[in-house]
Amino acid sequence: MDVPELTAEEIQARVLHRDGLMLVIDKPAGLPVHRGPKGGANLEASFDALRFGLPRPPVLAHRLDKDTSGCLVLGRHRKATASLGLLFKHGKVEKTYWAMVEGGPAEDEGTIDLPIGRLNAERGWWQKPDPDGQPAVTNWKVLGRAEGLAWLSMEPLTGRTHQLRVHAAAQGWPIVGDNIYGNGPRFGEPRLHLHSREIGVPISKNKELVRVVAPAPEHMRERLSACGWKGA
């Protein structure tokens, strides 16, 4: 279920934070951040509407999967983008995701320390648990439970491709709607229930982290409510 490109007004309405160095926007689920090899709708195509007086559009400082929603950081000029890239690369950015998983862990919190490697050359981005792969560590905590579901807060301490999706599936509680690593449908609902909920960026050395929270996306609200979410 793909999402069309955003109009200037739509992407401006999704700006959660703006300062001289960066923007944080609320990425919709179902829209890839980059233009793919076959073209098609993408988020970057709307970035010109986010210049806010600067000569060039902002640039992605990191990426989110096509089907992941929530906080996405953009650098507003070349120097800022380079600084942000280093912060992400060295794990200085605090990232908290909300995930709705099938079943759920027996415990209420824990850490997954499971290296990840590429599944194979043909599958491109697809990953798998791999003892010889790159180190990958995720902290998680249960925020609520319902019949056959658990609502988790997940904090990736490393930034591997598909890390949270692979880690959750490897524990036996795949993310709802995950059509690669879980039991999600190939097409249609439910859409992937993974949301970049909060980000903390130490953009200025002498100031506190810039903390930004993205509202829960529409497609996750029904299951979030079932697990005790009260809104916002």
C-alpha atoms as a PDB file:
ATOM      1  CA  MET A   1       0.000   0.000   0.000  1.00  0.00           C
ATOM      2  CA  ASP A   2       2.046   2.898  -1.296  1.00  0.00           C
ATOM      3  CA  VAL A   3       1.519   6.515  -0.321  1.00  0.00           C
ATOM      4  CA  PRO A   4       1.560   9.363  -2.881  1.00  0.00           C
ATOM      5  CA  GLU A   5       4.147  12.123  -2.772  1.00  0.00           C
ATOM      6  CA  LEU A   6       3.407  14.906  -0.304  1.00  0.00           C
ATOM      7  CA  THR A   7       2.390  18.366  -1.456  1.00  0.00           C
ATOM      8  CA  ALA A   8       4.313  21.380  -0.147  1.00  0.00           C
ATOM      9  CA  GLU A   9       1.561  22.036   2.393  1.00  0.00           C
ATOM     10  CA  GLU A  10       1.458  18.398   3.528  1.00  0.00           C
ATOM     11  CA  ILE A  11       5.198  18.082   4.142  1.00  0.00           C
ATOM     12  CA  GLN A  12       5.354  21.483   5.882  1.00  0.00           C
ATOM     13  CA  ALA A  13       2.552  20.327   8.193  1.00  0.00           C
ATOM     14  CA  ARG A  14       4.756  17.369   9.154  1.00  0.00           C
ATOM     15  CA  VAL A  15       7.638  19.496  10.453  1.00  0.00           C
ATOM     16  CA  LEU A  16       8.047  18.662  14.155  1.00  0.00           C
ATOM     17  CA  HIS A  17      11.173  20.749  14.815  1.00  0.00           C
ATOM     18  CA  ARG A  18      13.061  23.440  12.950  1.00  0.00           C
ATOM     19  CA  ASP A  19      16.197  25.378  13.825  1.00  0.00           C
ATOM     20  CA  GLY A  20      19.095  26.830  11.860  1.00  0.00           C
ATOM     21  CA  LEU A  21      20.850  23.462  11.544  1.00  0.00           C
ATOM     22  CA  MET A  22      18.212  20.783  11.176  1.00  0.00           C
ATOM     23  CA  LEU A  23      14.607  19.819  10.661  1.00  0.00           C
ATOM     24  CA  VAL A  24      12.815  16.839  12.147  1.00  0.00           C
ATOM     25  CA  ILE A  25       9.792  15.708  10.170  1.00  0.00           C
ATOM     26  CA  ASP A  26       7.115  13.098  10.802  1.00  0.00           C
ATOM     27  CA  LYS A  27       7.602  10.620   7.961  1.00  0.00           C
ATOM     28  CA  PRO A  28       4.432   8.863   6.788  1.00  0.00           C
ATOM     29  CA  ALA A  29       4.454   5.061   6.579  1.00  0.00           C
ATOM     30  CA  GLY A  30       4.525   3.655   3.047  1.00  0.00           C
ATOM     31  CA  LEU A  31       6.617   6.395   1.418  1.00  0.00           C
ATOM     32  CA  PRO A  32      10.300   5.647   0.678  1.00  0.00           C
ATOM     33  CA  VAL A  33      12.773   8.367   1.638  1.00  0.00           C
ATOM     34  CA  HIS A  34      14.754   8.023  -1.638  1.00  0.00           C
ATOM     35  CA  ARG A  35      13.740   7.758  -5.246  1.00  0.00           C
ATOM     36  CA  GLY A  36      14.081   4.077  -6.207  1.00  0.00           C
ATOM     37  CA  PRO A  37      15.761   2.715  -9.346  1.00  0.00           C
ATOM     38  CA  LYS A  38      12.326   2.421 -10.983  1.00  0.00           C
ATOM     39  CA  GLY A  39      11.283   5.930  -9.919  1.00  0.00           C
ATOM     40  CA  GLY A  40       8.012   6.359  -8.071  1.00  0.00           C
ATOM     41  CA  ALA A  41       6.846   8.544  -5.209  1.00  0.00           C
ATOM     42  CA  ASN A  42       9.422   9.404  -2.542  1.00  0.00           C
ATOM     43  CA  LEU A  43       9.877  11.812   0.337  1.00  0.00           C
ATOM     44  CA  GLU A  44      12.937  13.636  -1.033  1.00  0.00           C
ATOM     45  CA  ALA A  45      10.869  14.906  -3.969  1.00  0.00           C
ATOM     46  CA  SER A  46       9.033  17.224  -1.544  1.00  0.00           C
ATOM     47  CA  PHE A  47      12.118  18.644   0.214  1.00  0.00           C
ATOM     48  CA  ASP A  48      12.196  21.824  -1.858  1.00  0.00           C
ATOM     49  CA  ALA A  49       9.181  22.968   0.177  1.00  0.00           C
ATOM     50  CA  LEU A  50      11.366  22.717   3.324  1.00  0.00           C
ATOM     51  CA  ARG A  51      14.021  25.290   2.400  1.00  0.00           C
ATOM     52  CA  PHE A  52      12.374  27.973   4.593  1.00  0.00           C
ATOM     53  CA  GLY A  53      14.467  30.733   3.042  1.00  0.00           C
ATOM     54  CA  LEU A  54      17.714  28.806   2.552  1.00  0.00           C
ATOM     55  CA  PRO A  55      19.180  28.447  -0.953  1.00  0.00           C
ATOM     56  CA  ARG A  56      19.062  24.643  -1.012  1.00  0.00           C
ATOM     57  CA  PRO A  57      16.612  21.995   0.183  1.00  0.00           C
ATOM     58  CA  PRO A  58      17.541  20.021   3.319  1.00  0.00           C
ATOM     59  CA  VAL A  59      19.273  16.636   3.041  1.00  0.00           C
ATOM     60  CA  LEU A  60      18.616  13.343   4.823  1.00  0.00           C
ATOM     61  CA  ALA A  61      20.888  12.829   7.834  1.00  0.00           C
ATOM     62  CA  HIS A  62      19.859   9.156   8.159  1.00  0.00           C
ATOM     63  CA  ARG A  63      17.124   6.947   6.741  1.00  0.00           C
ATOM     64  CA  LEU A  64      13.993   5.115   7.790  1.00  0.00           C
ATOM     65  CA  ASP A  65      12.525   2.096   6.002  1.00  0.00           C
ATOM     66  CA  LYS A  66       9.724   2.821   3.561  1.00  0.00           C
ATOM     67  CA  ASP A  67       7.106   1.337   5.907  1.00  0.00           C
ATOM     68  CA  THR A  68       8.435   2.918   9.119  1.00  0.00           C
ATOM     69  CA  SER A  69       6.812   6.167  10.264  1.00  0.00           C
ATOM     70  CA  GLY A  70       7.935   8.962  12.567  1.00  0.00           C
ATOM     71  CA  CYS A  71      10.950  11.140  13.393  1.00  0.00           C
ATOM     72  CA  LEU A  72      13.279  11.712  10.453  1.00  0.00           C
ATOM     73  CA  VAL A  73      16.202  14.167  10.741  1.00  0.00           C
ATOM     74  CA  LEU A  74      17.286  16.435   7.878  1.00  0.00           C
ATOM     75  CA  GLY A  75      20.342  18.688   7.732  1.00  0.00           C
ATOM     76  CA  ARG A  76      19.607  22.231   6.528  1.00  0.00           C
ATOM     77  CA  HIS A  77      23.016  22.910   4.974  1.00  0.00           C
ATOM     78  CA  ARG A  78      26.148  20.957   4.071  1.00  0.00           C
ATOM     79  CA  LYS A  79      28.081  21.507   7.314  1.00  0.00           C
ATOM     80  CA  ALA A  80      25.069  20.639   9.475  1.00  0.00           C
ATOM     81  CA  THR A  81      24.368  17.499   7.444  1.00  0.00           C
ATOM     82  CA  ALA A  82      27.988  16.353   7.838  1.00  0.00           C
ATOM     83  CA  SER A  83      27.840  16.912  11.625  1.00  0.00           C
ATOM     84  CA  LEU A  84      24.532  15.053  11.907  1.00  0.00           C
ATOM     85  CA  GLY A  85      25.887  12.184   9.821  1.00  0.00           C
ATOM     86  CA  LEU A  86      28.769  11.754  12.262  1.00  0.00           C
ATOM     87  CA  LEU A  87      26.422  11.852  15.270  1.00  0.00           C
ATOM     88  CA  PHE A  88      24.337   9.051  13.761  1.00  0.00           C
ATOM     89  CA  LYS A  89      27.398   7.072  12.675  1.00  0.00           C
ATOM     90  CA  HIS A  90      28.922   7.154  16.165  1.00  0.00           C
ATOM     91  CA  GLY A  91      25.686   6.330  17.998  1.00  0.00           C
ATOM     92  CA  LYS A  92      25.344   9.735  19.652  1.00  0.00           C
ATOM     93  CA  VAL A  93      21.693  10.185  18.622  1.00  0.00           C
ATOM     94  CA  GLU A  94      19.134   8.714  21.030  1.00  0.00           C
ATOM     95  CA  LYS A  95      16.432   6.828  19.135  1.00  0.00           C
ATOM     96  CA  THR A  96      13.254   5.389  20.622  1.00  0.00           C
ATOM     97  CA  TYR A  97      10.832   3.403  18.485  1.00  0.00           C
ATOM     98  CA  TRP A  98       7.374   2.083  19.239  1.00  0.00           C
ATOM     99  CA  ALA A  99       6.721  -1.393  17.891  1.00  0.00           C
ATOM    100  CA  MET A 100       3.603  -3.518  18.098  1.00  0.00           C
ATOM    101  CA  VAL A 101       4.658  -7.165  18.151  1.00  0.00           C
ATOM    102  CA  GLU A 102       2.818 -10.441  17.808  1.00  0.00           C
ATOM    103  CA  GLY A 103       2.700 -12.442  21.017  1.00  0.00           C
ATOM    104  CA  GLY A 104       5.369 -10.672  22.980  1.00  0.00           C
ATOM    105  CA  PRO A 105       8.211 -11.330  25.405  1.00  0.00           C
ATOM    106  CA  ALA A 106       7.663 -13.117  28.702  1.00  0.00           C
ATOM    107  CA  GLU A 107       9.735 -10.488  30.522  1.00  0.00           C
ATOM    108  CA  ASP A 108       8.939  -6.780  30.777  1.00  0.00           C
ATOM    109  CA  GLU A 109      12.298  -5.475  29.572  1.00  0.00           C
ATOM    110  CA  GLY A 110      15.595  -6.699  28.255  1.00  0.00           C
ATOM    111  CA  THR A 111      18.429  -6.373  25.743  1.00  0.00           C
ATOM    112  CA  ILE A 112      18.910  -8.202  22.455  1.00  0.00           C
ATOM    113  CA  ASP A 113      22.563  -8.636  21.510  1.00  0.00           C
ATOM    114  CA  LEU A 114      22.502 -10.428  18.185  1.00  0.00           C
ATOM    115  CA  PRO A 115      24.842  -9.726  15.232  1.00  0.00           C
ATOM    116  CA  ILE A 116      23.182  -9.153  11.853  1.00  0.00           C
ATOM    117  CA  GLY A 117      24.408  -9.843   8.324  1.00  0.00           C
ATOM    118  CA  ARG A 118      23.005  -9.691   4.810  1.00  0.00           C
ATOM    119  CA  LEU A 119      20.664 -12.498   3.846  1.00  0.00           C
ATOM    120  CA  ASN A 120      22.181 -12.786   0.358  1.00  0.00           C
ATOM    121  CA  ALA A 121      23.292 -10.614  -2.545  1.00  0.00           C
ATOM    122  CA  GLU A 122      20.006 -10.982  -4.437  1.00  0.00           C
ATOM    123  CA  ARG A 123      17.873  -9.656  -1.601  1.00  0.00           C
ATOM    124  CA  GLY A 124      19.726  -6.354  -1.235  1.00  0.00           C
ATOM    125  CA  TRP A 125      18.616  -4.831   2.051  1.00  0.00           C
ATOM    126  CA  TRP A 126      17.275  -8.047   3.618  1.00  0.00           C
ATOM    127  CA  GLN A 127      19.146  -9.144   6.724  1.00  0.00           C
ATOM    128  CA  LYS A 128      19.399 -12.169   9.007  1.00  0.00           C
ATOM    129  CA  PRO A 129      20.883 -13.038  12.400  1.00  0.00           C
ATOM    130  CA  ASP A 130      24.496 -13.930  11.668  1.00  0.00           C
ATOM    131  CA  PRO A 131      27.185 -14.755  14.270  1.00  0.00           C
ATOM    132  CA  ASP A 132      29.776 -13.416  11.810  1.00  0.00           C
ATOM    133  CA  GLY A 133      27.750 -10.295  11.010  1.00  0.00           C
ATOM    134  CA  GLN A 134      27.951  -6.768  12.400  1.00  0.00           C
ATOM    135  CA  PRO A 135      27.286  -6.251  16.118  1.00  0.00           C
ATOM    136  CA  ALA A 136      23.676  -5.195  16.769  1.00  0.00           C
ATOM    137  CA  VAL A 137      22.232  -4.320  20.191  1.00  0.00           C
ATOM    138  CA  THR A 138      18.673  -3.284  21.068  1.00  0.00           C
ATOM    139  CA  ASN A 139      17.186  -2.382  24.443  1.00  0.00           C
ATOM    140  CA  TRP A 140      13.440  -2.979  24.771  1.00  0.00           C
ATOM    141  CA  LYS A 141      10.675  -2.457  27.290  1.00  0.00           C
ATOM    142  CA  VAL A 142       7.019  -3.529  27.318  1.00  0.00           C
ATOM    143  CA  LEU A 143       4.677  -0.520  27.516  1.00  0.00           C
ATOM    144  CA  GLY A 144       1.422  -2.493  27.326  1.00  0.00           C
ATOM    145  CA  ARG A 145      -0.111  -5.836  26.410  1.00  0.00           C
ATOM    146  CA  ALA A 146      -3.314  -7.177  24.868  1.00  0.00           C
ATOM    147  CA  GLU A 147      -4.521 -10.559  23.625  1.00  0.00           C
ATOM    148  CA  GLY A 148      -1.783 -11.810  21.301  1.00  0.00           C
ATOM    149  CA  LEU A 149      -0.007  -8.431  21.199  1.00  0.00           C
ATOM    150  CA  ALA A 150       2.611  -6.409  23.037  1.00  0.00           C
ATOM    151  CA  TRP A 151       3.458  -2.720  22.677  1.00  0.00           C
ATOM    152  CA  LEU A 152       7.203  -2.199  22.991  1.00  0.00           C
ATOM    153  CA  SER A 153       9.568   0.716  23.295  1.00  0.00           C
ATOM    154  CA  MET A 154      12.740  -0.270  21.418  1.00  0.00           C
ATOM    155  CA  GLU A 155      16.070   1.580  21.503  1.00  0.00           C
ATOM    156  CA  PRO A 156      18.648   0.499  18.911  1.00  0.00           C
ATOM    157  CA  LEU A 157      22.125   1.120  20.322  1.00  0.00           C
ATOM    158  CA  THR A 158      23.553   0.299  16.885  1.00  0.00           C
ATOM    159  CA  GLY A 159      22.149   1.366  13.534  1.00  0.00           C
ATOM    160  CA  ARG A 160      21.987  -1.767  11.387  1.00  0.00           C
ATOM    161  CA  THR A 161      19.608  -2.080   8.453  1.00  0.00           C
ATOM    162  CA  HIS A 162      16.277  -3.591   9.561  1.00  0.00           C
ATOM    163  CA  GLN A 163      17.785  -4.123  13.030  1.00  0.00           C
ATOM    164  CA  LEU A 164      14.585  -3.875  15.072  1.00  0.00           C
ATOM    165  CA  ARG A 165      12.631  -5.989  12.615  1.00  0.00           C
ATOM    166  CA  VAL A 166      15.257  -8.770  12.565  1.00  0.00           C
ATOM    167  CA  HIS A 167      15.753  -8.652  16.336  1.00  0.00           C
ATOM    168  CA  ALA A 168      12.039  -8.838  17.145  1.00  0.00           C
ATOM    169  CA  ALA A 169      11.446 -11.699  14.695  1.00  0.00           C
ATOM    170  CA  ALA A 170      14.465 -13.618  16.026  1.00  0.00           C
ATOM    171  CA  GLN A 171      12.973 -13.504  19.535  1.00  0.00           C
ATOM    172  CA  GLY A 172       9.750 -15.094  18.277  1.00  0.00           C
ATOM    173  CA  TRP A 173       7.678 -11.914  18.467  1.00  0.00           C
ATOM    174  CA  PRO A 174       7.783 -10.323  14.984  1.00  0.00           C
ATOM    175  CA  ILE A 175       6.515  -6.800  14.401  1.00  0.00           C
ATOM    176  CA  VAL A 176       2.884  -6.657  13.277  1.00  0.00           C
ATOM    177  CA  GLY A 177       2.614  -6.199   9.500  1.00  0.00           C
ATOM    178  CA  ASP A 178       6.235  -7.126   8.756  1.00  0.00           C
ATOM    179  CA  ASN A 179       6.025  -8.848   5.373  1.00  0.00           C
ATOM    180  CA  ILE A 180       9.744  -9.681   5.241  1.00  0.00           C
ATOM    181  CA  TYR A 181      10.646 -11.026   8.688  1.00  0.00           C
ATOM    182  CA  GLY A 182       7.229 -11.640  10.218  1.00  0.00           C
ATOM    183  CA  ASN A 183       3.754 -12.790   9.296  1.00  0.00           C
ATOM    184  CA  GLY A 184       2.598  -9.604   7.571  1.00  0.00           C
ATOM    185  CA  PRO A 185       0.678  -9.684   4.314  1.00  0.00           C
ATOM    186  CA  ARG A 186       2.493  -9.053   1.062  1.00  0.00           C
ATOM    187  CA  PHE A 187      -0.042  -6.358   0.196  1.00  0.00           C
ATOM    188  CA  GLY A 188      -2.535  -4.248   2.124  1.00  0.00           C
ATOM    189  CA  GLU A 189      -3.185  -4.222   5.835  1.00  0.00           C
ATOM    190  CA  PRO A 190      -1.902  -4.333   8.392  1.00  0.00           C
ATOM    191  CA  ARG A 191       0.881  -1.965   7.517  1.00  0.00           C
ATOM    192  CA  LEU A 192       4.176  -2.345   9.428  1.00  0.00           C
ATOM    193  CA  HIS A 193       3.646  -1.296  13.065  1.00  0.00           C
ATOM    194  CA  LEU A 194       7.031   0.356  13.643  1.00  0.00           C
ATOM    195  CA  HIS A 195       7.218   4.046  14.501  1.00  0.00           C
ATOM    196  CA  SER A 196      10.208   6.307  15.204  1.00  0.00           C
ATOM    197  CA  ARG A 197       8.606   7.805  18.308  1.00  0.00           C
ATOM    198  CA  GLU A 198      11.333  10.016  19.779  1.00  0.00           C
ATOM    199  CA  ILE A 199      14.755  11.271  18.823  1.00  0.00           C
ATOM    200  CA  GLY A 200      17.374  13.089  20.914  1.00  0.00           C
ATOM    201  CA  VAL A 201      20.042  14.934  18.933  1.00  0.00           C
ATOM    202  CA  PRO A 202      23.100  16.570  20.583  1.00  0.00           C
ATOM    203  CA  ILE A 203      23.333  19.088  17.749  1.00  0.00           C
ATOM    204  CA  SER A 204      25.058  21.799  19.835  1.00  0.00           C
ATOM    205  CA  LYS A 205      27.962  20.913  22.113  1.00  0.00           C
ATOM    206  CA  ASN A 206      27.018  23.234  24.985  1.00  0.00           C
ATOM    207  CA  LYS A 207      23.259  22.740  24.902  1.00  0.00           C
ATOM    208  CA  GLU A 208      20.924  19.966  25.948  1.00  0.00           C
ATOM    209  CA  LEU A 209      19.789  17.328  23.452  1.00  0.00           C
ATOM    210  CA  VAL A 210      17.112  18.485  21.045  1.00  0.00           C
ATOM    211  CA  ARG A 211      14.273  16.065  21.835  1.00  0.00           C
ATOM    212  CA  VAL A 212      11.462  15.568  19.349  1.00  0.00           C
ATOM    213  CA  VAL A 213       8.410  13.284  19.599  1.00  0.00           C
ATOM    214  CA  ALA A 214       6.291  12.144  16.642  1.00  0.00           C
ATOM    215  CA  PRO A 215       2.572  11.502  17.217  1.00  0.00           C
ATOM    216  CA  ALA A 216       1.347   7.915  16.917  1.00  0.00           C
ATOM    217  CA  PRO A 217       0.412   7.146  13.301  1.00  0.00           C
ATOM    218  CA  GLU A 218      -3.189   6.447  12.385  1.00  0.00           C
ATOM    219  CA  HIS A 219      -2.573   2.835  11.354  1.00  0.00           C
ATOM    220  CA  MET A 220      -1.153   1.881  14.782  1.00  0.00           C
ATOM    221  CA  ARG A 221      -3.743   3.552  16.986  1.00  0.00           C
ATOM    222  CA  GLU A 222      -6.269   0.734  17.198  1.00  0.00           C
ATOM    223  CA  ARG A 223      -3.719  -1.799  18.458  1.00  0.00           C
ATOM    224  CA  LEU A 224      -2.004   0.788  20.673  1.00  0.00           C
ATOM    225  CA  SER A 225      -5.359   1.539  22.335  1.00  0.00           C
ATOM    226  CA  ALA A 226      -5.947  -2.189  22.870  1.00  0.00           C
ATOM    227  CA  CYS A 227      -2.622  -2.260  24.757  1.00  0.00           C
ATOM    228  CA  GLY A 228      -3.543   0.672  26.999  1.00  0.00           C
ATOM    229  CA  TRP A 229      -2.352   3.693  25.012  1.00  0.00           C
ATOM    230  CA  LYS A 230      -4.302   6.788  26.042  1.00  0.00           C
ATOM    231  CA  GLY A 231      -3.634   8.945  23.018  1.00  0.00           C
ATOM    232  CA  ALA A 232      -1.066  11.592  21.895  1.00  0.00           C
END
